[in-house]
Amino acid sequence: MSEDPSRAADPSGPGALTPPDDFAQGPRSGPGQGDAPWQRPDGPAGTAPVPDPDSPWVTGGVLFAGILMLCQGAVAALEGIAALADGDVYGDVGAYLYRISLTGWGWIHLVLGVCVAVTGAALLKGAGWARVAGILFASLNLFAHFLFLPYAPLWSVIVIALDIFVIWALAAYRDPDPASATVPR
C-alpha cells in the first residue's frame, strides 16, 4: 500500500494538528503579567496574610525545640559524666588544634547540658526568657559539639543539625501576645 506523496507533504491536510490562533511566543497578557514580574495590571497584590499564632506549624516548632533541648541537655550531661569518669568511652585523638583534656570536656558538657535541659524545660512551661536563653545555649552547644567533633563525629554532627533547628525555631517564633510573656525578676 502506497501513500499519496502530495498528501504526505501537506501538513495542513485532514487529521493534521494545528496550533490555536492565540498560540504565540513571547509575553502574554493576564493577571500578574505586567511589564515587570512584580507589577500587576489589575492593581496592587495586597498585603501578605498574617500567620495564625495558634497554628500547629507555628507553635509546634517551639514545642519540638523545647523537647529537643530537654533531651539534648540530658544526653550532654551524660556525655560529660562519661568524659569525667576517665573510661575508654572517648579515645585519644592525637594532635588536634582545639585539644582540651577529657576532664575539661566533661565539665563543659556537664554544665552546658544542665543549662540546656533547664532551659528546654522552661521553654515547655512557657517562660518568656527561655526563648532568648534557648538561642544562647543552643548556640553554645553547637559550638561545643563542633569542637568535640574528633571525639564523637557522628553524634556531634547530629547535635549540630538539631541545634540549628532549635535556633531557627526559637528565632522564627513570634509571641502572639508579648504583654502576657512572663518577665524574670
N, C-alpha and C. Protein backbone atom coordinates (compact mmCIF):
# COMPACT_ATOMS: atom_id res chain seq x y z
N MET A 1 0.82 -1.15 0.00
CA MET A 1 0.00 0.00 0.00
C MET A 1 0.88 1.23 0.00
N SER A 2 0.68 2.09 -0.96
CA SER A 2 1.49 3.28 -1.06
C SER A 2 0.65 4.50 -0.73
N GLU A 3 1.33 5.49 -0.16
CA GLU A 3 0.63 6.72 0.19
C GLU A 3 0.81 7.72 -0.92
N ASP A 4 -0.15 8.62 -0.98
CA ASP A 4 -0.10 9.69 -1.96
C ASP A 4 0.98 10.68 -1.51
N PRO A 5 2.05 10.91 -2.32
CA PRO A 5 3.13 11.80 -1.90
C PRO A 5 2.66 13.23 -1.70
N SER A 6 1.66 13.68 -2.39
CA SER A 6 1.20 15.05 -2.20
C SER A 6 0.49 15.19 -0.85
N ARG A 7 -0.16 14.14 -0.41
CA ARG A 7 -0.85 14.18 0.88
C ARG A 7 0.16 14.16 2.03
N ALA A 8 1.23 13.41 1.91
CA ALA A 8 2.24 13.33 2.96
C ALA A 8 3.00 14.64 3.10
N ALA A 9 3.16 15.37 2.03
CA ALA A 9 3.91 16.62 2.09
C ALA A 9 3.06 17.77 2.62
N ASP A 10 1.73 17.64 2.64
CA ASP A 10 0.85 18.72 3.10
C ASP A 10 0.50 18.52 4.57
N PRO A 11 1.11 19.29 5.51
CA PRO A 11 0.82 19.10 6.93
C PRO A 11 -0.54 19.66 7.34
N SER A 12 -1.20 20.43 6.52
CA SER A 12 -2.48 21.00 6.90
C SER A 12 -3.66 20.18 6.39
N GLY A 13 -3.40 19.00 5.99
CA GLY A 13 -4.47 18.14 5.48
C GLY A 13 -5.36 17.65 6.60
N PRO A 14 -6.33 16.80 6.28
CA PRO A 14 -7.23 16.29 7.30
C PRO A 14 -6.46 15.48 8.34
N GLY A 15 -6.77 15.70 9.61
CA GLY A 15 -6.13 14.99 10.70
C GLY A 15 -4.84 15.62 11.17
N ALA A 16 -4.39 16.69 10.55
CA ALA A 16 -3.15 17.34 10.97
C ALA A 16 -3.42 18.22 12.18
N LEU A 17 -2.49 18.29 13.08
CA LEU A 17 -2.61 19.12 14.28
C LEU A 17 -2.10 20.52 13.98
N THR A 18 -2.93 21.49 14.23
CA THR A 18 -2.51 22.87 14.04
C THR A 18 -2.62 23.59 15.37
N PRO A 19 -1.68 24.49 15.66
CA PRO A 19 -1.75 25.22 16.92
C PRO A 19 -2.92 26.21 16.88
N PRO A 20 -3.48 26.53 18.05
CA PRO A 20 -4.56 27.52 18.10
C PRO A 20 -4.05 28.89 17.65
N ASP A 21 -4.99 29.75 17.28
CA ASP A 21 -4.62 31.07 16.76
C ASP A 21 -3.90 31.92 17.81
N ASP A 22 -4.25 31.77 19.12
CA ASP A 22 -3.63 32.61 20.14
C ASP A 22 -2.34 32.00 20.68
N PHE A 23 -1.87 30.95 20.04
CA PHE A 23 -0.63 30.31 20.46
C PHE A 23 0.54 31.07 19.85
N ALA A 24 1.30 31.75 20.69
CA ALA A 24 2.42 32.54 20.19
C ALA A 24 3.51 32.58 21.25
N GLN A 25 4.69 32.88 20.82
CA GLN A 25 5.81 33.01 21.73
C GLN A 25 5.85 34.44 22.25
N GLY A 26 6.43 34.61 23.44
CA GLY A 26 6.60 35.95 23.99
C GLY A 26 5.68 36.17 25.17
N PRO A 27 5.67 37.40 25.69
CA PRO A 27 4.86 37.69 26.88
C PRO A 27 3.38 37.60 26.57
N ARG A 28 2.64 37.14 27.55
CA ARG A 28 1.20 37.01 27.41
C ARG A 28 0.53 37.98 28.37
N SER A 29 -0.67 38.36 28.04
CA SER A 29 -1.40 39.26 28.93
C SER A 29 -2.19 38.43 29.92
N GLY A 30 -2.49 39.04 31.04
CA GLY A 30 -3.27 38.36 32.06
C GLY A 30 -2.87 38.86 33.43
N PRO A 31 -3.54 38.35 34.48
CA PRO A 31 -3.20 38.79 35.84
C PRO A 31 -1.76 38.45 36.18
N GLY A 32 -1.07 39.41 36.73
CA GLY A 32 0.31 39.21 37.15
C GLY A 32 1.31 39.30 36.02
N GLN A 33 0.92 39.75 34.83
CA GLN A 33 1.82 39.80 33.69
C GLN A 33 2.02 41.23 33.22
N GLY A 34 2.54 42.09 34.08
CA GLY A 34 2.81 43.47 33.71
C GLY A 34 4.14 43.56 33.00
N ASP A 35 4.68 44.78 32.92
CA ASP A 35 5.96 44.97 32.27
C ASP A 35 7.09 44.32 33.05
N ALA A 36 6.98 44.32 34.36
CA ALA A 36 7.97 43.70 35.21
C ALA A 36 7.27 42.60 36.03
N PRO A 37 8.00 41.61 36.49
CA PRO A 37 7.37 40.49 37.19
C PRO A 37 6.59 40.88 38.44
N TRP A 38 6.95 42.01 39.08
CA TRP A 38 6.25 42.38 40.31
C TRP A 38 5.06 43.29 40.05
N GLN A 39 4.82 43.69 38.83
CA GLN A 39 3.71 44.58 38.53
C GLN A 39 2.49 43.76 38.13
N ARG A 40 1.35 44.23 38.55
CA ARG A 40 0.09 43.59 38.16
C ARG A 40 -0.78 44.64 37.48
N PRO A 41 -1.32 44.33 36.30
CA PRO A 41 -2.15 45.32 35.61
C PRO A 41 -3.49 45.55 36.29
N ASP A 42 -3.92 44.63 37.15
CA ASP A 42 -5.21 44.80 37.81
C ASP A 42 -5.11 45.44 39.18
N GLY A 43 -3.95 46.00 39.53
CA GLY A 43 -3.81 46.71 40.79
C GLY A 43 -2.79 46.04 41.69
N PRO A 44 -2.60 46.58 42.91
CA PRO A 44 -1.61 46.02 43.82
C PRO A 44 -2.02 44.62 44.30
N ALA A 45 -1.03 43.85 44.66
CA ALA A 45 -1.27 42.47 45.09
C ALA A 45 -1.94 42.40 46.45
N GLY A 46 -1.86 43.42 47.24
CA GLY A 46 -2.46 43.40 48.57
C GLY A 46 -1.43 43.04 49.64
N THR A 47 -1.90 42.98 50.86
CA THR A 47 -0.99 42.68 51.96
C THR A 47 -0.81 41.17 52.11
N ALA A 48 0.30 40.79 52.67
CA ALA A 48 0.57 39.37 52.89
C ALA A 48 -0.31 38.88 54.03
N PRO A 49 -0.69 37.61 53.99
CA PRO A 49 -1.51 37.09 55.08
C PRO A 49 -0.73 37.03 56.39
N VAL A 50 -1.41 37.30 57.48
CA VAL A 50 -0.79 37.27 58.79
C VAL A 50 -0.81 35.82 59.30
N PRO A 51 0.34 35.29 59.76
CA PRO A 51 0.33 33.92 60.25
C PRO A 51 -0.53 33.78 61.50
N ASP A 52 -1.21 32.66 61.60
CA ASP A 52 -2.05 32.38 62.75
C ASP A 52 -1.16 31.96 63.91
N PRO A 53 -1.14 32.70 65.03
CA PRO A 53 -0.25 32.34 66.14
C PRO A 53 -0.64 31.02 66.80
N ASP A 54 -1.87 30.56 66.58
CA ASP A 54 -2.30 29.30 67.16
C ASP A 54 -2.13 28.13 66.21
N SER A 55 -1.52 28.37 65.05
CA SER A 55 -1.31 27.32 64.07
C SER A 55 -0.34 26.27 64.62
N PRO A 56 -0.61 25.00 64.35
CA PRO A 56 0.31 23.97 64.82
C PRO A 56 1.71 24.10 64.21
N TRP A 57 1.82 24.68 63.02
CA TRP A 57 3.13 24.85 62.40
C TRP A 57 3.95 25.90 63.14
N VAL A 58 3.27 26.90 63.68
CA VAL A 58 3.99 27.96 64.38
C VAL A 58 4.37 27.52 65.78
N THR A 59 3.41 27.00 66.52
CA THR A 59 3.68 26.60 67.90
C THR A 59 4.39 25.26 68.00
N GLY A 60 4.21 24.42 67.00
CA GLY A 60 4.83 23.10 67.04
C GLY A 60 6.34 23.14 66.99
N GLY A 61 6.91 24.10 66.26
CA GLY A 61 8.36 24.22 66.18
C GLY A 61 8.97 24.55 67.53
N VAL A 62 8.33 25.43 68.28
CA VAL A 62 8.84 25.80 69.60
C VAL A 62 8.67 24.64 70.58
N LEU A 63 7.54 23.95 70.49
CA LEU A 63 7.32 22.80 71.35
C LEU A 63 8.37 21.71 71.07
N PHE A 64 8.61 21.43 69.80
CA PHE A 64 9.60 20.43 69.43
C PHE A 64 11.00 20.88 69.84
N ALA A 65 11.29 22.18 69.72
CA ALA A 65 12.59 22.70 70.14
C ALA A 65 12.78 22.52 71.64
N GLY A 66 11.73 22.74 72.42
CA GLY A 66 11.82 22.53 73.87
C GLY A 66 12.09 21.08 74.22
N ILE A 67 11.41 20.17 73.53
CA ILE A 67 11.63 18.74 73.77
C ILE A 67 13.05 18.36 73.37
N LEU A 68 13.50 18.86 72.21
CA LEU A 68 14.87 18.57 71.78
C LEU A 68 15.90 19.09 72.78
N MET A 69 15.68 20.29 73.30
CA MET A 69 16.63 20.86 74.26
C MET A 69 16.65 20.05 75.54
N LEU A 70 15.50 19.61 76.00
CA LEU A 70 15.44 18.80 77.22
C LEU A 70 16.21 17.50 77.03
N CYS A 71 15.99 16.83 75.90
CA CYS A 71 16.68 15.56 75.62
C CYS A 71 18.17 15.78 75.36
N GLN A 72 18.51 16.79 74.58
CA GLN A 72 19.92 17.06 74.29
C GLN A 72 20.68 17.43 75.55
N GLY A 73 20.04 18.18 76.42
CA GLY A 73 20.71 18.56 77.67
C GLY A 73 21.00 17.36 78.55
N ALA A 74 20.03 16.45 78.64
CA ALA A 74 20.25 15.25 79.45
C ALA A 74 21.37 14.39 78.85
N VAL A 75 21.37 14.23 77.53
CA VAL A 75 22.40 13.42 76.89
C VAL A 75 23.77 14.11 77.00
N ALA A 76 23.81 15.42 76.88
CA ALA A 76 25.09 16.13 77.01
C ALA A 76 25.63 16.01 78.43
N ALA A 77 24.75 16.04 79.42
CA ALA A 77 25.20 15.85 80.80
C ALA A 77 25.78 14.44 80.99
N LEU A 78 25.13 13.45 80.39
CA LEU A 78 25.66 12.08 80.45
C LEU A 78 26.99 11.97 79.69
N GLU A 79 27.10 12.71 78.60
CA GLU A 79 28.35 12.77 77.85
C GLU A 79 29.47 13.33 78.75
N GLY A 80 29.14 14.36 79.48
CA GLY A 80 30.12 14.95 80.40
C GLY A 80 30.51 14.02 81.51
N ILE A 81 29.54 13.30 82.07
CA ILE A 81 29.84 12.34 83.13
C ILE A 81 30.73 11.22 82.60
N ALA A 82 30.46 10.76 81.37
CA ALA A 82 31.29 9.72 80.77
C ALA A 82 32.72 10.21 80.55
N ALA A 83 32.88 11.46 80.16
CA ALA A 83 34.22 12.00 79.96
C ALA A 83 34.94 12.19 81.30
N LEU A 84 34.20 12.55 82.35
CA LEU A 84 34.81 12.74 83.67
C LEU A 84 35.20 11.41 84.31
N ALA A 85 34.54 10.33 83.93
CA ALA A 85 34.81 9.03 84.54
C ALA A 85 36.14 8.44 84.10
N ASP A 86 36.80 9.05 83.13
CA ASP A 86 38.10 8.57 82.64
C ASP A 86 38.05 7.13 82.16
N GLY A 87 36.96 6.75 81.57
CA GLY A 87 36.85 5.41 81.00
C GLY A 87 37.38 5.41 79.57
N ASP A 88 37.09 4.35 78.87
CA ASP A 88 37.53 4.23 77.48
C ASP A 88 36.43 4.61 76.51
N VAL A 89 35.54 5.48 76.93
CA VAL A 89 34.44 5.90 76.05
C VAL A 89 34.97 6.73 74.90
N TYR A 90 35.85 7.66 75.19
CA TYR A 90 36.43 8.53 74.17
C TYR A 90 37.90 8.20 74.03
N GLY A 91 38.33 7.99 72.81
CA GLY A 91 39.72 7.65 72.56
C GLY A 91 40.58 8.89 72.43
N ASP A 92 41.88 8.68 72.35
CA ASP A 92 42.81 9.78 72.16
C ASP A 92 42.81 10.17 70.68
N VAL A 93 42.67 11.45 70.40
CA VAL A 93 42.56 11.89 69.01
C VAL A 93 43.89 12.39 68.45
N GLY A 94 44.91 12.40 69.24
CA GLY A 94 46.21 12.86 68.75
C GLY A 94 46.28 14.37 68.68
N ALA A 95 47.02 14.86 67.68
CA ALA A 95 47.20 16.31 67.52
C ALA A 95 45.93 16.92 66.95
N TYR A 96 45.33 17.79 67.71
CA TYR A 96 44.10 18.46 67.31
C TYR A 96 44.20 19.91 67.73
N LEU A 97 43.82 20.82 66.86
CA LEU A 97 44.00 22.24 67.11
C LEU A 97 43.28 22.70 68.38
N TYR A 98 42.05 22.22 68.60
CA TYR A 98 41.26 22.64 69.75
C TYR A 98 41.29 21.60 70.86
N ARG A 99 42.43 21.01 71.08
CA ARG A 99 42.56 19.92 72.04
C ARG A 99 42.36 20.43 73.47
N ILE A 100 41.41 19.81 74.15
CA ILE A 100 41.15 20.06 75.56
C ILE A 100 41.16 18.69 76.23
N SER A 101 41.58 18.62 77.46
CA SER A 101 41.60 17.32 78.14
C SER A 101 40.17 16.79 78.29
N LEU A 102 40.06 15.47 78.44
CA LEU A 102 38.74 14.88 78.60
C LEU A 102 38.05 15.36 79.87
N THR A 103 38.83 15.69 80.88
CA THR A 103 38.24 16.24 82.10
C THR A 103 37.62 17.61 81.80
N GLY A 104 38.31 18.41 81.03
CA GLY A 104 37.76 19.72 80.63
C GLY A 104 36.49 19.56 79.80
N TRP A 105 36.52 18.63 78.82
CA TRP A 105 35.32 18.39 78.02
C TRP A 105 34.19 17.85 78.89
N GLY A 106 34.52 17.05 79.87
CA GLY A 106 33.50 16.52 80.77
C GLY A 106 32.77 17.62 81.50
N TRP A 107 33.53 18.57 82.05
CA TRP A 107 32.89 19.68 82.77
C TRP A 107 32.10 20.59 81.82
N ILE A 108 32.65 20.83 80.65
CA ILE A 108 31.95 21.68 79.67
C ILE A 108 30.61 21.05 79.30
N HIS A 109 30.62 19.76 78.97
CA HIS A 109 29.37 19.10 78.57
C HIS A 109 28.39 18.95 79.74
N LEU A 110 28.90 18.72 80.93
CA LEU A 110 28.02 18.57 82.09
C LEU A 110 27.31 19.88 82.40
N VAL A 111 28.06 20.97 82.50
CA VAL A 111 27.45 22.27 82.82
C VAL A 111 26.53 22.74 81.70
N LEU A 112 27.01 22.64 80.47
CA LEU A 112 26.21 23.07 79.33
C LEU A 112 24.96 22.20 79.19
N GLY A 113 25.09 20.91 79.42
CA GLY A 113 23.93 20.01 79.33
C GLY A 113 22.86 20.34 80.35
N VAL A 114 23.27 20.64 81.58
CA VAL A 114 22.29 21.02 82.61
C VAL A 114 21.61 22.33 82.22
N CYS A 115 22.37 23.30 81.73
CA CYS A 115 21.78 24.58 81.32
C CYS A 115 20.80 24.39 80.16
N VAL A 116 21.16 23.57 79.18
CA VAL A 116 20.28 23.32 78.03
C VAL A 116 19.00 22.61 78.49
N ALA A 117 19.13 21.62 79.37
CA ALA A 117 17.96 20.88 79.84
C ALA A 117 17.01 21.78 80.65
N VAL A 118 17.57 22.60 81.52
CA VAL A 118 16.74 23.52 82.33
C VAL A 118 16.04 24.53 81.42
N THR A 119 16.74 25.04 80.44
CA THR A 119 16.14 25.99 79.50
C THR A 119 15.06 25.31 78.67
N GLY A 120 15.28 24.08 78.24
CA GLY A 120 14.26 23.35 77.49
C GLY A 120 13.01 23.11 78.32
N ALA A 121 13.19 22.78 79.61
CA ALA A 121 12.03 22.60 80.49
C ALA A 121 11.29 23.92 80.69
N ALA A 122 12.02 25.02 80.85
CA ALA A 122 11.38 26.33 80.99
C ALA A 122 10.65 26.72 79.71
N LEU A 123 11.21 26.36 78.58
CA LEU A 123 10.57 26.65 77.30
C LEU A 123 9.25 25.90 77.18
N LEU A 124 9.23 24.66 77.64
CA LEU A 124 7.99 23.88 77.61
C LEU A 124 6.94 24.43 78.56
N LYS A 125 7.38 25.08 79.65
CA LYS A 125 6.44 25.70 80.59
C LYS A 125 5.97 27.06 80.12
N GLY A 126 6.58 27.61 79.06
CA GLY A 126 6.13 28.88 78.50
C GLY A 126 6.81 30.10 79.07
N ALA A 127 7.97 29.95 79.68
CA ALA A 127 8.69 31.10 80.24
C ALA A 127 9.17 32.00 79.10
N GLY A 128 8.94 33.28 79.24
CA GLY A 128 9.32 34.23 78.20
C GLY A 128 10.81 34.35 78.00
N TRP A 129 11.58 34.24 79.07
CA TRP A 129 13.04 34.35 78.97
C TRP A 129 13.68 33.15 78.30
N ALA A 130 12.96 32.04 78.23
CA ALA A 130 13.55 30.79 77.75
C ALA A 130 13.88 30.82 76.27
N ARG A 131 13.16 31.64 75.48
CA ARG A 131 13.48 31.70 74.05
C ARG A 131 14.86 32.29 73.81
N VAL A 132 15.16 33.39 74.46
CA VAL A 132 16.47 34.04 74.29
C VAL A 132 17.56 33.15 74.88
N ALA A 133 17.31 32.61 76.07
CA ALA A 133 18.30 31.72 76.69
C ALA A 133 18.47 30.45 75.85
N GLY A 134 17.39 29.98 75.25
CA GLY A 134 17.46 28.79 74.41
C GLY A 134 18.33 29.02 73.19
N ILE A 135 18.19 30.18 72.57
CA ILE A 135 19.04 30.51 71.42
C ILE A 135 20.51 30.58 71.87
N LEU A 136 20.76 31.20 73.00
CA LEU A 136 22.13 31.32 73.52
C LEU A 136 22.73 29.95 73.81
N PHE A 137 22.00 29.11 74.57
CA PHE A 137 22.55 27.80 74.95
C PHE A 137 22.62 26.84 73.78
N ALA A 138 21.69 26.92 72.84
CA ALA A 138 21.78 26.08 71.64
C ALA A 138 22.99 26.49 70.80
N SER A 139 23.28 27.79 70.75
CA SER A 139 24.47 28.25 70.03
C SER A 139 25.76 27.76 70.71
N LEU A 140 25.79 27.85 72.03
CA LEU A 140 26.97 27.36 72.76
C LEU A 140 27.12 25.85 72.61
N ASN A 141 26.00 25.13 72.63
CA ASN A 141 26.03 23.68 72.46
C ASN A 141 26.52 23.32 71.05
N LEU A 142 26.07 24.07 70.06
CA LEU A 142 26.53 23.86 68.68
C LEU A 142 28.04 24.07 68.59
N PHE A 143 28.51 25.13 69.17
CA PHE A 143 29.94 25.45 69.15
C PHE A 143 30.75 24.38 69.88
N ALA A 144 30.27 23.94 71.04
CA ALA A 144 30.99 22.93 71.81
C ALA A 144 31.05 21.61 71.04
N HIS A 145 29.96 21.23 70.38
CA HIS A 145 29.98 19.98 69.64
C HIS A 145 30.79 20.08 68.35
N PHE A 146 30.91 21.28 67.81
CA PHE A 146 31.81 21.45 66.68
C PHE A 146 33.25 21.19 67.11
N LEU A 147 33.62 21.71 68.27
CA LEU A 147 34.97 21.50 68.77
C LEU A 147 35.18 20.06 69.25
N PHE A 148 34.09 19.37 69.57
CA PHE A 148 34.14 18.00 70.08
C PHE A 148 34.08 16.97 68.95
N LEU A 149 34.04 17.42 67.69
CA LEU A 149 33.90 16.52 66.53
C LEU A 149 34.88 15.34 66.51
N PRO A 150 36.16 15.51 66.80
CA PRO A 150 37.07 14.36 66.72
C PRO A 150 36.76 13.26 67.72
N TYR A 151 36.14 13.60 68.84
CA TYR A 151 35.87 12.60 69.87
C TYR A 151 34.62 11.78 69.55
N ALA A 152 33.60 12.40 69.01
CA ALA A 152 32.35 11.71 68.67
C ALA A 152 31.78 12.35 67.39
N PRO A 153 32.32 12.00 66.23
CA PRO A 153 31.95 12.71 65.00
C PRO A 153 30.49 12.57 64.60
N LEU A 154 29.96 11.36 64.59
CA LEU A 154 28.57 11.17 64.15
C LEU A 154 27.59 11.86 65.08
N TRP A 155 27.77 11.68 66.38
CA TRP A 155 26.87 12.29 67.34
C TRP A 155 26.99 13.82 67.29
N SER A 156 28.18 14.33 67.14
CA SER A 156 28.36 15.79 67.09
C SER A 156 27.67 16.39 65.87
N VAL A 157 27.73 15.72 64.73
CA VAL A 157 27.05 16.23 63.53
C VAL A 157 25.54 16.23 63.74
N ILE A 158 25.02 15.19 64.37
CA ILE A 158 23.57 15.13 64.65
C ILE A 158 23.17 16.26 65.59
N VAL A 159 23.94 16.48 66.64
CA VAL A 159 23.63 17.54 67.60
C VAL A 159 23.73 18.91 66.95
N ILE A 160 24.70 19.11 66.08
CA ILE A 160 24.84 20.39 65.38
C ILE A 160 23.60 20.65 64.52
N ALA A 161 23.14 19.64 63.80
CA ALA A 161 21.94 19.80 62.97
C ALA A 161 20.70 20.10 63.83
N LEU A 162 20.56 19.41 64.95
CA LEU A 162 19.42 19.66 65.83
C LEU A 162 19.50 21.05 66.45
N ASP A 163 20.69 21.49 66.80
CA ASP A 163 20.85 22.84 67.36
C ASP A 163 20.51 23.91 66.34
N ILE A 164 20.84 23.68 65.08
CA ILE A 164 20.46 24.64 64.03
C ILE A 164 18.95 24.74 63.94
N PHE A 165 18.25 23.61 64.01
CA PHE A 165 16.78 23.64 64.00
C PHE A 165 16.25 24.38 65.22
N VAL A 166 16.80 24.11 66.40
CA VAL A 166 16.33 24.76 67.63
C VAL A 166 16.51 26.27 67.52
N ILE A 167 17.66 26.72 67.05
CA ILE A 167 17.91 28.16 66.91
C ILE A 167 16.92 28.77 65.93
N TRP A 168 16.69 28.10 64.81
CA TRP A 168 15.72 28.61 63.82
C TRP A 168 14.32 28.68 64.41
N ALA A 169 13.89 27.62 65.08
CA ALA A 169 12.53 27.58 65.62
C ALA A 169 12.31 28.66 66.68
N LEU A 170 13.30 28.87 67.52
CA LEU A 170 13.15 29.88 68.57
C LEU A 170 13.26 31.29 68.02
N ALA A 171 14.06 31.48 66.98
CA ALA A 171 14.20 32.82 66.40
C ALA A 171 13.02 33.18 65.52
N ALA A 172 12.39 32.20 64.88
CA ALA A 172 11.29 32.48 63.95
C ALA A 172 9.96 32.67 64.66
N TYR A 173 9.82 32.17 65.86
CA TYR A 173 8.54 32.24 66.57
C TYR A 173 8.27 33.66 67.05
N ARG A 174 7.05 34.11 66.87
CA ARG A 174 6.62 35.42 67.37
C ARG A 174 5.51 35.20 68.38
N ASP A 175 5.71 35.73 69.58
CA ASP A 175 4.71 35.58 70.63
C ASP A 175 3.45 36.33 70.22
N PRO A 176 2.29 35.66 70.22
CA PRO A 176 1.06 36.34 69.78
C PRO A 176 0.67 37.49 70.70
N ASP A 177 1.01 37.41 71.99
CA ASP A 177 0.68 38.47 72.92
C ASP A 177 1.92 38.75 73.79
N PRO A 178 2.82 39.63 73.31
CA PRO A 178 4.06 39.85 74.05
C PRO A 178 3.84 40.41 75.45
N ALA A 179 2.72 41.04 75.71
CA ALA A 179 2.46 41.60 77.02
C ALA A 179 2.20 40.52 78.06
N SER A 180 1.77 39.33 77.59
CA SER A 180 1.48 38.25 78.54
C SER A 180 2.69 37.40 78.86
N ALA A 181 3.83 37.68 78.23
CA ALA A 181 5.04 36.90 78.48
C ALA A 181 5.52 37.17 79.91
N THR A 182 6.00 36.12 80.56
CA THR A 182 6.48 36.30 81.92
C THR A 182 7.84 36.97 81.88
N VAL A 183 8.05 37.87 82.82
CA VAL A 183 9.29 38.60 82.89
C VAL A 183 10.04 38.11 84.13
N PRO A 184 11.31 37.68 83.96
CA PRO A 184 12.06 37.21 85.14
C PRO A 184 12.33 38.36 86.10
N ARG A 185 12.29 38.05 87.36
CA ARG A 185 12.53 39.08 88.39
C ARG A 185 13.82 38.86 89.08
